[in-house]
Amino acid sequence: MKRFNRFMYPPWLRTCRAIAAQFCIPFCIFQAIRTILIPTTFDVLLLAVLILIATAIYLEII
């Protein structure tokens, strides 16, 4: 199976990934505070998605 090399991505995709990496953790923190104060199903699901995206970027899966 071919391994993905993140340097083979087009420049616009690398830029989007860098922007997402910068904003993902602050959004996770904000969403966690919001979920603690006013927990709704949407907030919990959004927090889970944001944590998965942050983990994927940190582990360089995407």
Protein backbone atom coordinates (compact mmCIF):
# COMPACT_ATOMS: atom_id res chain seq x y z
CA MET A 1 0.00 0.00 0.00
CA LYS A 2 1.33 3.42 -0.94
CA ARG A 3 2.13 5.76 1.92
CA PHE A 4 1.01 9.34 1.63
CA ASN A 5 3.67 12.00 1.61
CA ARG A 6 2.40 15.34 2.86
CA PHE A 7 4.97 17.16 0.71
CA MET A 8 3.29 15.83 -2.43
CA TYR A 9 0.08 17.73 -1.62
CA PRO A 10 -0.74 20.75 -3.77
CA PRO A 11 0.27 24.08 -2.23
CA TRP A 12 -3.32 25.17 -1.56
CA LEU A 13 -4.00 21.98 0.41
CA ARG A 14 -0.84 22.41 2.48
CA THR A 15 -1.97 25.97 3.25
CA CYS A 16 -5.41 24.77 4.33
CA ARG A 17 -3.82 22.12 6.55
CA ALA A 18 -1.53 24.70 8.18
CA ILE A 19 -4.45 27.03 8.85
CA ALA A 20 -6.52 24.18 10.31
CA ALA A 21 -3.60 23.19 12.54
CA GLN A 22 -3.39 26.72 13.96
CA PHE A 23 -7.10 27.13 14.67
CA CYS A 24 -8.09 23.61 15.71
CA ILE A 25 -6.84 23.66 19.31
CA PRO A 26 -8.37 27.08 20.21
CA PHE A 27 -11.69 25.97 18.70
CA CYS A 28 -11.51 22.74 20.72
CA ILE A 29 -10.93 24.68 23.93
CA PHE A 30 -13.77 27.11 23.19
CA GLN A 31 -16.12 24.27 22.29
CA ALA A 32 -15.17 22.31 25.43
CA ILE A 33 -16.01 25.30 27.62
CA ARG A 34 -19.27 25.81 25.77
CA THR A 35 -20.12 22.10 26.10
CA ILE A 36 -19.46 22.18 29.84
CA LEU A 37 -21.68 25.23 30.33
CA ILE A 38 -24.55 24.37 27.97
CA PRO A 39 -24.34 20.73 26.86
CA THR A 40 -26.39 19.90 23.79
CA THR A 41 -26.09 16.97 21.43
CA PHE A 42 -24.76 19.20 18.66
CA ASP A 43 -22.07 20.67 20.93
CA VAL A 44 -20.88 17.25 22.03
CA LEU A 45 -20.73 15.96 18.46
CA LEU A 46 -18.94 19.08 17.24
CA LEU A 47 -16.41 18.76 20.04
CA ALA A 48 -15.79 15.12 19.14
CA VAL A 49 -15.23 16.02 15.48
CA LEU A 50 -12.86 18.84 16.39
CA ILE A 51 -10.87 16.56 18.69
CA LEU A 52 -10.61 13.94 15.95
CA ILE A 53 -9.40 16.54 13.45
CA ALA A 54 -6.85 17.91 15.94
CA THR A 55 -5.58 14.40 16.66
CA ALA A 56 -5.32 13.58 12.95
CA ILE A 57 -3.36 16.75 12.27
CA TYR A 58 -1.09 16.16 15.26
CA LEU A 59 -0.38 12.56 14.22
CA GLU A 60 -0.01 13.70 10.58
CA ILE A 61 -2.71 11.34 9.33
CA ILE A 62 -4.19 14.08 7.14
